[in-house]
């Protein structure tokens, strides 16, 4: 199920002899989900044949986990006073954390750890 993109995404696909660049803004939609083999992300821009485009990416779980670790190492790039983006990233990471907890395990919403 697709949802509106809340901000903006830019995608570049580079070949030795070609470069494809696409932007997806608030009028575009996205879908992100996990399945049996990994993470699936799709970005869709609707419109006529000249503006319509879709990008689909799949990451196996271990690669996606490594991407998350690399993002954590570079979070210093988000200025400390950029509260809106920091809070949004924190909320998304927390939602993933909670969703990955085993069923029946109690989680404290204050400290983010298990009880």
C-alpha atoms as a PDB file:
ATOM      1  CA  UNK A   1       0.000   0.000   0.000  1.00  0.00           C
ATOM      2  CA  UNK A   2       1.536   3.295  -1.019  1.00  0.00           C
ATOM      3  CA  UNK A   3       1.645   6.448   1.091  1.00  0.00           C
ATOM      4  CA  UNK A   4       2.454  10.060   0.197  1.00  0.00           C
ATOM      5  CA  UNK A   5       6.131  11.010   0.433  1.00  0.00           C
ATOM      6  CA  UNK A   6       6.421  13.432   3.382  1.00  0.00           C
ATOM      7  CA  UNK A   7       9.544  15.193   2.098  1.00  0.00           C
ATOM      8  CA  UNK A   8      11.739  14.506  -0.948  1.00  0.00           C
ATOM      9  CA  UNK A   9      13.865  11.704  -2.404  1.00  0.00           C
ATOM     10  CA  UNK A  10      16.530  11.927  -5.078  1.00  0.00           C
ATOM     11  CA  UNK A  11      17.744   8.879  -6.964  1.00  0.00           C
ATOM     12  CA  UNK A  12      20.742   8.606  -9.286  1.00  0.00           C
ATOM     13  CA  UNK A  13      21.560   5.513 -11.313  1.00  0.00           C
ATOM     14  CA  UNK A  14      25.013   5.748 -12.848  1.00  0.00           C
ATOM     15  CA  UNK A  15      26.349   3.574 -15.638  1.00  0.00           C
ATOM     16  CA  UNK A  16      29.726   4.084 -17.363  1.00  0.00           C
ATOM     17  CA  UNK A  17      28.046   5.812 -20.321  1.00  0.00           C
ATOM     18  CA  UNK A  18      24.695   7.000 -18.858  1.00  0.00           C
ATOM     19  CA  UNK A  19      23.311   8.806 -15.838  1.00  0.00           C
ATOM     20  CA  UNK A  20      19.668   8.674 -14.792  1.00  0.00           C
ATOM     21  CA  UNK A  21      18.470  11.095 -12.099  1.00  0.00           C
ATOM     22  CA  UNK A  22      14.991  11.244 -10.651  1.00  0.00           C
ATOM     23  CA  UNK A  23      13.349  13.226  -7.888  1.00  0.00           C
ATOM     24  CA  UNK A  24      10.289  12.223  -5.927  1.00  0.00           C
ATOM     25  CA  UNK A  25       8.549  14.994  -4.022  1.00  0.00           C
ATOM     26  CA  UNK A  26       5.388  15.380  -1.949  1.00  0.00           C
ATOM     27  CA  UNK A  27       3.104  14.568  -4.876  1.00  0.00           C
ATOM     28  CA  UNK A  28       4.813  11.167  -5.225  1.00  0.00           C
ATOM     29  CA  UNK A  29       4.084   8.022  -3.211  1.00  0.00           C
ATOM     30  CA  UNK A  30       6.178   5.291  -1.591  1.00  0.00           C
ATOM     31  CA  UNK A  31       5.880   1.767  -0.253  1.00  0.00           C
ATOM     32  CA  UNK A  32       8.308   0.150   2.190  1.00  0.00           C
ATOM     33  CA  UNK A  33       7.938  -3.292   3.698  1.00  0.00           C
ATOM     34  CA  UNK A  34       9.776  -6.364   4.912  1.00  0.00           C
ATOM     35  CA  UNK A  35       9.166  -9.803   3.487  1.00  0.00           C
ATOM     36  CA  UNK A  36      10.788 -13.226   3.803  1.00  0.00           C
ATOM     37  CA  UNK A  37      14.071 -12.163   2.150  1.00  0.00           C
ATOM     38  CA  UNK A  38      14.581  -8.541   3.113  1.00  0.00           C
ATOM     39  CA  UNK A  39      13.506  -4.938   2.693  1.00  0.00           C
ATOM     40  CA  UNK A  40      11.569  -3.612  -0.295  1.00  0.00           C
ATOM     41  CA  UNK A  41      11.329   0.101  -1.092  1.00  0.00           C
ATOM     42  CA  UNK A  42       9.400   1.594  -4.026  1.00  0.00           C
ATOM     43  CA  UNK A  43       9.044   5.247  -5.028  1.00  0.00           C
ATOM     44  CA  UNK A  44       6.312   6.193  -7.518  1.00  0.00           C
ATOM     45  CA  UNK A  45       5.765   9.448  -9.356  1.00  0.00           C
ATOM     46  CA  UNK A  46       2.496   9.489 -11.264  1.00  0.00           C
ATOM     47  CA  UNK A  47       1.534  11.566 -14.246  1.00  0.00           C
ATOM     48  CA  UNK A  48       1.789  11.381 -18.017  1.00  0.00           C
ATOM     49  CA  UNK A  49       4.389   9.259 -19.822  1.00  0.00           C
ATOM     50  CA  UNK A  50       6.991  12.049 -19.660  1.00  0.00           C
ATOM     51  CA  UNK A  51       6.849  12.502 -15.880  1.00  0.00           C
ATOM     52  CA  UNK A  52       5.783   9.075 -14.598  1.00  0.00           C
ATOM     53  CA  UNK A  53       8.571   6.989 -13.058  1.00  0.00           C
ATOM     54  CA  UNK A  54       9.065   4.240 -10.500  1.00  0.00           C
ATOM     55  CA  UNK A  55      12.158   3.046  -8.672  1.00  0.00           C
ATOM     56  CA  UNK A  56      12.259  -0.241  -6.773  1.00  0.00           C
ATOM     57  CA  UNK A  57      15.040  -1.361  -4.451  1.00  0.00           C
ATOM     58  CA  UNK A  58      15.522  -4.561  -2.457  1.00  0.00           C
ATOM     59  CA  UNK A  59      18.015  -5.070   0.350  1.00  0.00           C
ATOM     60  CA  UNK A  60      18.614  -8.366   2.093  1.00  0.00           C
ATOM     61  CA  UNK A  61      18.445  -8.132   5.875  1.00  0.00           C
ATOM     62  CA  UNK A  62      22.195  -8.198   6.623  1.00  0.00           C
ATOM     63  CA  UNK A  63      22.916  -5.430   4.119  1.00  0.00           C
ATOM     64  CA  UNK A  64      20.099  -3.302   5.536  1.00  0.00           C
ATOM     65  CA  UNK A  65      21.417  -3.867   9.072  1.00  0.00           C
ATOM     66  CA  UNK A  66      24.854  -2.687   7.912  1.00  0.00           C
ATOM     67  CA  UNK A  67      23.248   0.381   6.307  1.00  0.00           C
ATOM     68  CA  UNK A  68      21.554   1.187   9.635  1.00  0.00           C
ATOM     69  CA  UNK A  69      24.902   0.847  11.430  1.00  0.00           C
ATOM     70  CA  UNK A  70      26.585   3.180   8.936  1.00  0.00           C
ATOM     71  CA  UNK A  71      23.784   5.714   9.370  1.00  0.00           C
ATOM     72  CA  UNK A  72      24.314   5.610  13.136  1.00  0.00           C
ATOM     73  CA  UNK A  73      28.008   6.361  12.642  1.00  0.00           C
ATOM     74  CA  UNK A  74      27.234   9.434  10.520  1.00  0.00           C
ATOM     75  CA  UNK A  75      24.339  10.929  12.519  1.00  0.00           C
ATOM     76  CA  UNK A  76      26.694  13.749  13.519  1.00  0.00           C
ATOM     77  CA  UNK A  77      25.867  15.240  10.091  1.00  0.00           C
ATOM     78  CA  UNK A  78      22.401  16.152  11.415  1.00  0.00           C
ATOM     79  CA  UNK A  79      22.874  19.393  13.368  1.00  0.00           C
ATOM     80  CA  UNK A  80      21.986  19.070  17.080  1.00  0.00           C
ATOM     81  CA  UNK A  81      19.479  21.921  16.782  1.00  0.00           C
ATOM     82  CA  UNK A  82      17.606  20.223  13.887  1.00  0.00           C
ATOM     83  CA  UNK A  83      15.006  18.878  16.301  1.00  0.00           C
ATOM     84  CA  UNK A  84      12.349  18.131  13.655  1.00  0.00           C
ATOM     85  CA  UNK A  85      14.547  15.760  11.656  1.00  0.00           C
ATOM     86  CA  UNK A  86      16.236  14.233  14.709  1.00  0.00           C
ATOM     87  CA  UNK A  87      12.849  13.506  16.311  1.00  0.00           C
ATOM     88  CA  UNK A  88      11.490  11.985  13.077  1.00  0.00           C
ATOM     89  CA  UNK A  89      14.553   9.728  12.690  1.00  0.00           C
ATOM     90  CA  UNK A  90      14.398   8.727  16.360  1.00  0.00           C
ATOM     91  CA  UNK A  91      10.678   7.900  16.121  1.00  0.00           C
ATOM     92  CA  UNK A  92      11.208   5.766  13.004  1.00  0.00           C
ATOM     93  CA  UNK A  93      14.139   3.891  14.564  1.00  0.00           C
ATOM     94  CA  UNK A  94      12.148   3.343  17.767  1.00  0.00           C
ATOM     95  CA  UNK A  95       9.154   1.989  15.819  1.00  0.00           C
ATOM     96  CA  UNK A  96      11.427  -0.504  14.013  1.00  0.00           C
ATOM     97  CA  UNK A  97      13.074  -1.474  17.310  1.00  0.00           C
ATOM     98  CA  UNK A  98       9.721  -2.119  18.992  1.00  0.00           C
ATOM     99  CA  UNK A  99       8.353  -4.040  16.005  1.00  0.00           C
ATOM    100  CA  UNK A 100      11.384  -6.369  16.059  1.00  0.00           C
ATOM    101  CA  UNK A 101      10.942  -7.316  19.723  1.00  0.00           C
ATOM    102  CA  UNK A 102       9.838 -10.914  20.261  1.00  0.00           C
ATOM    103  CA  UNK A 103       6.132 -11.381  20.944  1.00  0.00           C
ATOM    104  CA  UNK A 104       5.266 -11.210  24.626  1.00  0.00           C
ATOM    105  CA  UNK A 105       8.414  -9.307  25.614  1.00  0.00           C
ATOM    106  CA  UNK A 106       7.624  -6.154  27.596  1.00  0.00           C
ATOM    107  CA  UNK A 107       9.217  -2.919  26.418  1.00  0.00           C
ATOM    108  CA  UNK A 108       9.545   0.255  28.432  1.00  0.00           C
ATOM    109  CA  UNK A 109       8.606   3.307  26.370  1.00  0.00           C
ATOM    110  CA  UNK A 110      10.705   5.531  28.638  1.00  0.00           C
ATOM    111  CA  UNK A 111      14.130   3.931  28.353  1.00  0.00           C
ATOM    112  CA  UNK A 112      13.634   1.990  25.140  1.00  0.00           C
ATOM    113  CA  UNK A 113      14.795  -1.261  26.774  1.00  0.00           C
ATOM    114  CA  UNK A 114      13.129  -4.522  27.722  1.00  0.00           C
ATOM    115  CA  UNK A 115      11.659  -5.060  31.180  1.00  0.00           C
END
